[in-house]
Every structure is written in C-alpha cells, then in structure tokens.
C-alpha cells in the first residue's frame, strides 16, 4: 500500500509539472513571437491555463510584479510544491511504518522515538527561523511566535556569548550544531 501511495503522488507531481511546463513554454513562445498567439495550440493552452493563471496573475500584480510572468511563477510553485509534497508523503509513509514497528516495541524504544522527535522539531524550528529571517518575516507573527519560543532559549544565550561576525548571526548555526551533538550523545546513552 505505501508503494501505491508513493507512486500516485509521483504521478500527480509529474502531471502537474508537465502541465505547468507546457503552459509556461507556450506562454514564452507566444511572447517571443515563435508561434502565433491566435493559433489553435495557444488558444487551447490559454483556455486550459486561465483557471489557474488568472488568480496567480492577480497575486503577482498585487505583489508589484509583472502579470505576464505568472506562468513562470506557476512552474516554480509546482516544482517547489511537488518537492514538498513528495517529501511530506515520504515522511508520512516512513512515520506510519515506524509507528507500526513501534507497536510491539518496549518503553525504551518509545523513549528513543520521543527524544528523537523533540530534537528534530527543535532543529527544524531553528531552520525555519533562519529562512524566515532571510525573507524578512516578522518574529511577531502568530505562527512565528511558536518558532521563537522553541528556539529563543538556546539562541539568545549563544547570541550574547558569540562575537559578532559582521552582518551574519552565527548563533542559529551554533545552536543547530549544539543540538546535533547533544542529540547524538543522548541517543547514544538511550
């Protein structure tokens, strides 16, 4: 059953990527005057692509971009979303397999699983915090408050101890490394 779910997810991602690629390629060919915009193929692709492209064009326009770039944004979103969907599906299938295997395991195995999950969540929170800072996402947003609570207890003391490295804040990287080392030690003890 997991192999079927994985295969269906991969097929859906490939179909979405093919759709977005054909829409973007046709749009590019029309813009570069490689094909006639009133031909059968461009009109068909416009009819097929409009339900997805019109809301995306509005969003790009509101963000200050060129609405003619919407097909390329669609391609980028499909690629990123497809990779995210495949990763999420793979993770969920692995988690289901782990929980199935853990059903007959003892308390020590459950403790190892919980401790490993806690370290994984903390390390992922540090990663999300760093990426959010690159995009200028405010730490006071409701969903970022949880990330800040999960990471401040480790990053803030390190930030006070580490010397400044110009415009770079090395404390998240050091915090991630500390968690990685502590995780290895704790998992070795368990």
C-alpha atoms as a PDB file:
ATOM      1  CA  UNK A   1       0.000   0.000   0.000  1.00  0.00           C
ATOM      2  CA  UNK A   2       2.756   2.576   0.772  1.00  0.00           C
ATOM      3  CA  UNK A   3       4.306   1.903  -2.637  1.00  0.00           C
ATOM      4  CA  UNK A   4       0.961   2.658  -4.320  1.00  0.00           C
ATOM      5  CA  UNK A   5       0.561   5.923  -2.410  1.00  0.00           C
ATOM      6  CA  UNK A   6       4.131   6.914  -3.300  1.00  0.00           C
ATOM      7  CA  UNK A   7       3.551   6.053  -6.969  1.00  0.00           C
ATOM      8  CA  UNK A   8       0.267   8.000  -7.133  1.00  0.00           C
ATOM      9  CA  UNK A   9       1.939  11.038  -5.545  1.00  0.00           C
ATOM     10  CA  UNK A  10       4.824  10.890  -8.003  1.00  0.00           C
ATOM     11  CA  UNK A  11       2.466  10.567 -10.975  1.00  0.00           C
ATOM     12  CA  UNK A  12       0.412  13.556  -9.778  1.00  0.00           C
ATOM     13  CA  UNK A  13       3.558  15.669  -9.352  1.00  0.00           C
ATOM     14  CA  UNK A  14       4.818  14.699 -12.819  1.00  0.00           C
ATOM     15  CA  UNK A  15       1.427  15.555 -14.374  1.00  0.00           C
ATOM     16  CA  UNK A  16       1.371  18.936 -12.583  1.00  0.00           C
ATOM     17  CA  UNK A  17       4.938  19.670 -13.690  1.00  0.00           C
ATOM     18  CA  UNK A  18       4.129  18.704 -17.291  1.00  0.00           C
ATOM     19  CA  UNK A  19       1.051  20.967 -17.212  1.00  0.00           C
ATOM     20  CA  UNK A  20       2.962  23.925 -15.769  1.00  0.00           C
ATOM     21  CA  UNK A  21       5.874  23.369 -18.166  1.00  0.00           C
ATOM     22  CA  UNK A  22       3.642  23.290 -21.237  1.00  0.00           C
ATOM     23  CA  UNK A  23       1.754  26.398 -20.089  1.00  0.00           C
ATOM     24  CA  UNK A  24       4.995  28.283 -19.393  1.00  0.00           C
ATOM     25  CA  UNK A  25       6.652  27.131 -22.620  1.00  0.00           C
ATOM     26  CA  UNK A  26       3.625  28.112 -24.703  1.00  0.00           C
ATOM     27  CA  UNK A  27       3.450  31.473 -22.983  1.00  0.00           C
ATOM     28  CA  UNK A  28       7.163  32.023 -23.603  1.00  0.00           C
ATOM     29  CA  UNK A  29       6.806  31.056 -27.296  1.00  0.00           C
ATOM     30  CA  UNK A  30       3.913  33.492 -27.737  1.00  0.00           C
ATOM     31  CA  UNK A  31       5.811  36.318 -26.002  1.00  0.00           C
ATOM     32  CA  UNK A  32       8.892  35.688 -28.160  1.00  0.00           C
ATOM     33  CA  UNK A  33       6.693  35.512 -31.266  1.00  0.00           C
ATOM     34  CA  UNK A  34       7.799  31.968 -32.057  1.00  0.00           C
ATOM     35  CA  UNK A  35       4.162  30.937 -32.505  1.00  0.00           C
ATOM     36  CA  UNK A  36       1.048  32.850 -33.476  1.00  0.00           C
ATOM     37  CA  UNK A  37      -0.974  33.837 -30.375  1.00  0.00           C
ATOM     38  CA  UNK A  38      -4.212  33.191 -32.276  1.00  0.00           C
ATOM     39  CA  UNK A  39      -3.297  29.669 -33.367  1.00  0.00           C
ATOM     40  CA  UNK A  40      -5.124  26.578 -32.194  1.00  0.00           C
ATOM     41  CA  UNK A  41      -2.487  25.500 -29.634  1.00  0.00           C
ATOM     42  CA  UNK A  42      -2.053  28.900 -27.864  1.00  0.00           C
ATOM     43  CA  UNK A  43      -5.827  29.381 -27.667  1.00  0.00           C
ATOM     44  CA  UNK A  44      -6.237  25.876 -26.245  1.00  0.00           C
ATOM     45  CA  UNK A  45      -3.472  26.460 -23.692  1.00  0.00           C
ATOM     46  CA  UNK A  46      -4.971  29.821 -22.762  1.00  0.00           C
ATOM     47  CA  UNK A  47      -8.341  28.134 -22.153  1.00  0.00           C
ATOM     48  CA  UNK A  48      -6.721  25.324 -20.147  1.00  0.00           C
ATOM     49  CA  UNK A  49      -4.375  27.596 -18.206  1.00  0.00           C
ATOM     50  CA  UNK A  50      -6.658  30.519 -17.354  1.00  0.00           C
ATOM     51  CA  UNK A  51      -8.390  28.929 -14.333  1.00  0.00           C
ATOM     52  CA  UNK A  52      -5.010  28.638 -12.647  1.00  0.00           C
ATOM     53  CA  UNK A  53      -3.203  31.633 -14.140  1.00  0.00           C
ATOM     54  CA  UNK A  54      -5.804  34.375 -13.572  1.00  0.00           C
ATOM     55  CA  UNK A  55      -5.707  34.196  -9.737  1.00  0.00           C
ATOM     56  CA  UNK A  56      -1.924  33.893  -9.898  1.00  0.00           C
ATOM     57  CA  UNK A  57      -1.682  36.917 -12.217  1.00  0.00           C
ATOM     58  CA  UNK A  58      -3.740  38.973  -9.760  1.00  0.00           C
ATOM     59  CA  UNK A  59      -1.496  37.887  -6.904  1.00  0.00           C
ATOM     60  CA  UNK A  60       1.675  38.717  -8.857  1.00  0.00           C
ATOM     61  CA  UNK A  61       0.244  42.109  -9.820  1.00  0.00           C
ATOM     62  CA  UNK A  62      -0.663  42.906  -6.185  1.00  0.00           C
ATOM     63  CA  UNK A  63       2.896  41.995  -5.177  1.00  0.00           C
ATOM     64  CA  UNK A  64       4.232  44.518  -7.693  1.00  0.00           C
ATOM     65  CA  UNK A  65       5.348  42.031 -10.321  1.00  0.00           C
ATOM     66  CA  UNK A  66       4.590  41.631 -13.992  1.00  0.00           C
ATOM     67  CA  UNK A  67       1.437  39.534 -14.528  1.00  0.00           C
ATOM     68  CA  UNK A  68       2.972  38.132 -17.721  1.00  0.00           C
ATOM     69  CA  UNK A  69       5.431  36.249 -15.513  1.00  0.00           C
ATOM     70  CA  UNK A  70       2.604  34.261 -13.901  1.00  0.00           C
ATOM     71  CA  UNK A  71       3.256  31.085 -15.970  1.00  0.00           C
ATOM     72  CA  UNK A  72       6.844  31.010 -14.768  1.00  0.00           C
ATOM     73  CA  UNK A  73       5.703  31.569 -11.197  1.00  0.00           C
ATOM     74  CA  UNK A  74       3.282  28.693 -11.708  1.00  0.00           C
ATOM     75  CA  UNK A  75       6.159  26.480 -12.826  1.00  0.00           C
ATOM     76  CA  UNK A  76       8.251  27.486  -9.799  1.00  0.00           C
ATOM     77  CA  UNK A  77       5.334  26.901  -7.422  1.00  0.00           C
ATOM     78  CA  UNK A  78       4.614  23.486  -8.939  1.00  0.00           C
ATOM     79  CA  UNK A  79       8.277  22.463  -8.662  1.00  0.00           C
ATOM     80  CA  UNK A  80       8.592  23.630  -5.048  1.00  0.00           C
ATOM     81  CA  UNK A  81       5.169  22.301  -4.097  1.00  0.00           C
ATOM     82  CA  UNK A  82       5.854  18.983  -5.806  1.00  0.00           C
ATOM     83  CA  UNK A  83       9.113  18.534  -3.947  1.00  0.00           C
ATOM     84  CA  UNK A  84       7.393  19.467  -0.705  1.00  0.00           C
ATOM     85  CA  UNK A  85       4.504  17.074  -1.387  1.00  0.00           C
ATOM     86  CA  UNK A  86       6.869  14.218  -2.227  1.00  0.00           C
ATOM     87  CA  UNK A  87       8.905  14.884   0.916  1.00  0.00           C
ATOM     88  CA  UNK A  88       5.798  15.085   3.074  1.00  0.00           C
ATOM     89  CA  UNK A  89       4.375  11.881   1.590  1.00  0.00           C
ATOM     90  CA  UNK A  90       7.658  10.059   2.086  1.00  0.00           C
ATOM     91  CA  UNK A  91       7.877  11.318   5.682  1.00  0.00           C
ATOM     92  CA  UNK A  92       4.281  10.295   6.456  1.00  0.00           C
ATOM     93  CA  UNK A  93       4.810   6.823   4.989  1.00  0.00           C
ATOM     94  CA  UNK A  94       8.038   6.428   6.960  1.00  0.00           C
ATOM     95  CA  UNK A  95       6.298   7.621  10.121  1.00  0.00           C
ATOM     96  CA  UNK A  96       3.454   5.157   9.580  1.00  0.00           C
ATOM     97  CA  UNK A  97       5.996   2.361   9.127  1.00  0.00           C
ATOM     98  CA  UNK A  98       7.864   3.435  12.250  1.00  0.00           C
ATOM     99  CA  UNK A  99       4.694   3.571  14.337  1.00  0.00           C
ATOM    100  CA  UNK A 100       3.661   0.157  13.028  1.00  0.00           C
ATOM    101  CA  UNK A 101       7.042  -1.246  14.027  1.00  0.00           C
ATOM    102  CA  UNK A 102       6.848   0.548  17.388  1.00  0.00           C
ATOM    103  CA  UNK A 103       3.527  -1.106  18.228  1.00  0.00           C
ATOM    104  CA  UNK A 104       5.358  -4.142  19.564  1.00  0.00           C
ATOM    105  CA  UNK A 105       8.385  -2.288  20.936  1.00  0.00           C
ATOM    106  CA  UNK A 106       9.168  -1.681  24.567  1.00  0.00           C
ATOM    107  CA  UNK A 107       9.221   1.581  26.528  1.00  0.00           C
ATOM    108  CA  UNK A 108      12.920   2.203  25.791  1.00  0.00           C
ATOM    109  CA  UNK A 109      12.231   2.289  22.039  1.00  0.00           C
ATOM    110  CA  UNK A 110       9.314   4.680  22.605  1.00  0.00           C
ATOM    111  CA  UNK A 111      11.549   6.934  24.707  1.00  0.00           C
ATOM    112  CA  UNK A 112      14.157   6.973  21.930  1.00  0.00           C
ATOM    113  CA  UNK A 113      11.455   7.875  19.404  1.00  0.00           C
ATOM    114  CA  UNK A 114      10.064  10.729  21.511  1.00  0.00           C
ATOM    115  CA  UNK A 115      13.525  12.153  22.297  1.00  0.00           C
ATOM    116  CA  UNK A 116      14.494  11.962  18.631  1.00  0.00           C
ATOM    117  CA  UNK A 117      11.248  13.697  17.638  1.00  0.00           C
ATOM    118  CA  UNK A 118      11.847  16.521  20.139  1.00  0.00           C
ATOM    119  CA  UNK A 119      15.344  17.146  18.774  1.00  0.00           C
ATOM    120  CA  UNK A 120      14.042  17.025  15.193  1.00  0.00           C
ATOM    121  CA  UNK A 121      11.335  19.585  15.979  1.00  0.00           C
ATOM    122  CA  UNK A 122      13.838  21.921  17.651  1.00  0.00           C
ATOM    123  CA  UNK A 123      16.285  21.652  14.764  1.00  0.00           C
ATOM    124  CA  UNK A 124      13.505  22.243  12.222  1.00  0.00           C
ATOM    125  CA  UNK A 125      12.356  25.293  14.205  1.00  0.00           C
ATOM    126  CA  UNK A 126      15.865  26.758  14.018  1.00  0.00           C
ATOM    127  CA  UNK A 127      15.926  26.130  10.261  1.00  0.00           C
ATOM    128  CA  UNK A 128      12.509  27.796   9.809  1.00  0.00           C
ATOM    129  CA  UNK A 129      13.632  30.746  11.934  1.00  0.00           C
ATOM    130  CA  UNK A 130      16.685  31.304   9.749  1.00  0.00           C
ATOM    131  CA  UNK A 131      14.742  31.028   6.485  1.00  0.00           C
ATOM    132  CA  UNK A 132      12.044  33.373   7.829  1.00  0.00           C
ATOM    133  CA  UNK A 133      14.694  35.945   8.740  1.00  0.00           C
ATOM    134  CA  UNK A 134      16.042  35.835   5.172  1.00  0.00           C
ATOM    135  CA  UNK A 135      12.604  36.726   3.826  1.00  0.00           C
ATOM    136  CA  UNK A 136      12.017  39.438   6.435  1.00  0.00           C
ATOM    137  CA  UNK A 137       9.142  37.645   8.148  1.00  0.00           C
ATOM    138  CA  UNK A 138       8.391  39.306  11.451  1.00  0.00           C
ATOM    139  CA  UNK A 139       9.055  37.239  14.573  1.00  0.00           C
ATOM    140  CA  UNK A 140       5.840  38.702  15.989  1.00  0.00           C
ATOM    141  CA  UNK A 141       3.568  36.959  13.511  1.00  0.00           C
ATOM    142  CA  UNK A 142       1.317  34.435  15.247  1.00  0.00           C
ATOM    143  CA  UNK A 143       2.858  31.364  13.601  1.00  0.00           C
ATOM    144  CA  UNK A 144       6.396  32.654  14.163  1.00  0.00           C
ATOM    145  CA  UNK A 145       5.821  33.131  17.906  1.00  0.00           C
ATOM    146  CA  UNK A 146       5.846  29.362  18.379  1.00  0.00           C
ATOM    147  CA  UNK A 147       9.115  29.117  16.443  1.00  0.00           C
ATOM    148  CA  UNK A 148      10.619  31.879  18.574  1.00  0.00           C
ATOM    149  CA  UNK A 149       9.509  30.213  21.816  1.00  0.00           C
ATOM    150  CA  UNK A 150      11.008  26.902  20.684  1.00  0.00           C
ATOM    151  CA  UNK A 151      14.364  28.442  19.763  1.00  0.00           C
ATOM    152  CA  UNK A 152      14.950  31.534  21.924  1.00  0.00           C
ATOM    153  CA  UNK A 153      16.023  29.538  24.993  1.00  0.00           C
ATOM    154  CA  UNK A 154      19.078  28.315  23.053  1.00  0.00           C
ATOM    155  CA  UNK A 155      19.797  31.036  20.503  1.00  0.00           C
ATOM    156  CA  UNK A 156      19.616  34.093  22.782  1.00  0.00           C
ATOM    157  CA  UNK A 157      22.330  32.937  25.259  1.00  0.00           C
ATOM    158  CA  UNK A 158      24.552  31.951  22.338  1.00  0.00           C
ATOM    159  CA  UNK A 159      23.975  35.330  20.700  1.00  0.00           C
ATOM    160  CA  UNK A 160      25.216  37.060  23.863  1.00  0.00           C
ATOM    161  CA  UNK A 161      28.332  34.860  24.048  1.00  0.00           C
ATOM    162  CA  UNK A 162      29.394  34.717  20.382  1.00  0.00           C
ATOM    163  CA  UNK A 163      31.387  37.619  18.967  1.00  0.00           C
ATOM    164  CA  UNK A 164      29.770  39.486  16.063  1.00  0.00           C
ATOM    165  CA  UNK A 165      30.639  38.305  12.550  1.00  0.00           C
ATOM    166  CA  UNK A 166      29.734  41.455  10.654  1.00  0.00           C
ATOM    167  CA  UNK A 167      26.190  41.248   9.364  1.00  0.00           C
ATOM    168  CA  UNK A 168      25.985  37.482   9.934  1.00  0.00           C
ATOM    169  CA  UNK A 169      24.376  35.996  13.025  1.00  0.00           C
ATOM    170  CA  UNK A 170      26.105  32.682  13.676  1.00  0.00           C
ATOM    171  CA  UNK A 171      24.078  31.824  16.790  1.00  0.00           C
ATOM    172  CA  UNK A 172      21.387  29.779  14.935  1.00  0.00           C
ATOM    173  CA  UNK A 173      24.065  27.683  13.236  1.00  0.00           C
ATOM    174  CA  UNK A 174      25.902  27.122  16.506  1.00  0.00           C
ATOM    175  CA  UNK A 175      22.594  26.282  18.219  1.00  0.00           C
ATOM    176  CA  UNK A 176      21.805  23.756  15.490  1.00  0.00           C
ATOM    177  CA  UNK A 177      25.259  22.186  15.881  1.00  0.00           C
ATOM    178  CA  UNK A 178      24.860  22.053  19.672  1.00  0.00           C
ATOM    179  CA  UNK A 179      21.502  20.305  19.286  1.00  0.00           C
ATOM    180  CA  UNK A 180      23.010  17.887  16.778  1.00  0.00           C
ATOM    181  CA  UNK A 181      25.864  16.954  19.146  1.00  0.00           C
ATOM    182  CA  UNK A 182      23.579  16.691  22.186  1.00  0.00           C
ATOM    183  CA  UNK A 183      21.155  14.566  20.168  1.00  0.00           C
ATOM    184  CA  UNK A 184      23.967  12.166  19.270  1.00  0.00           C
ATOM    185  CA  UNK A 185      25.082  11.903  22.895  1.00  0.00           C
ATOM    186  CA  UNK A 186      21.562  11.446  24.282  1.00  0.00           C
ATOM    187  CA  UNK A 187      20.597   8.894  21.624  1.00  0.00           C
ATOM    188  CA  UNK A 188      23.848   7.033  22.315  1.00  0.00           C
ATOM    189  CA  UNK A 189      23.006   6.843  26.008  1.00  0.00           C
ATOM    190  CA  UNK A 190      19.472   5.647  25.309  1.00  0.00           C
END
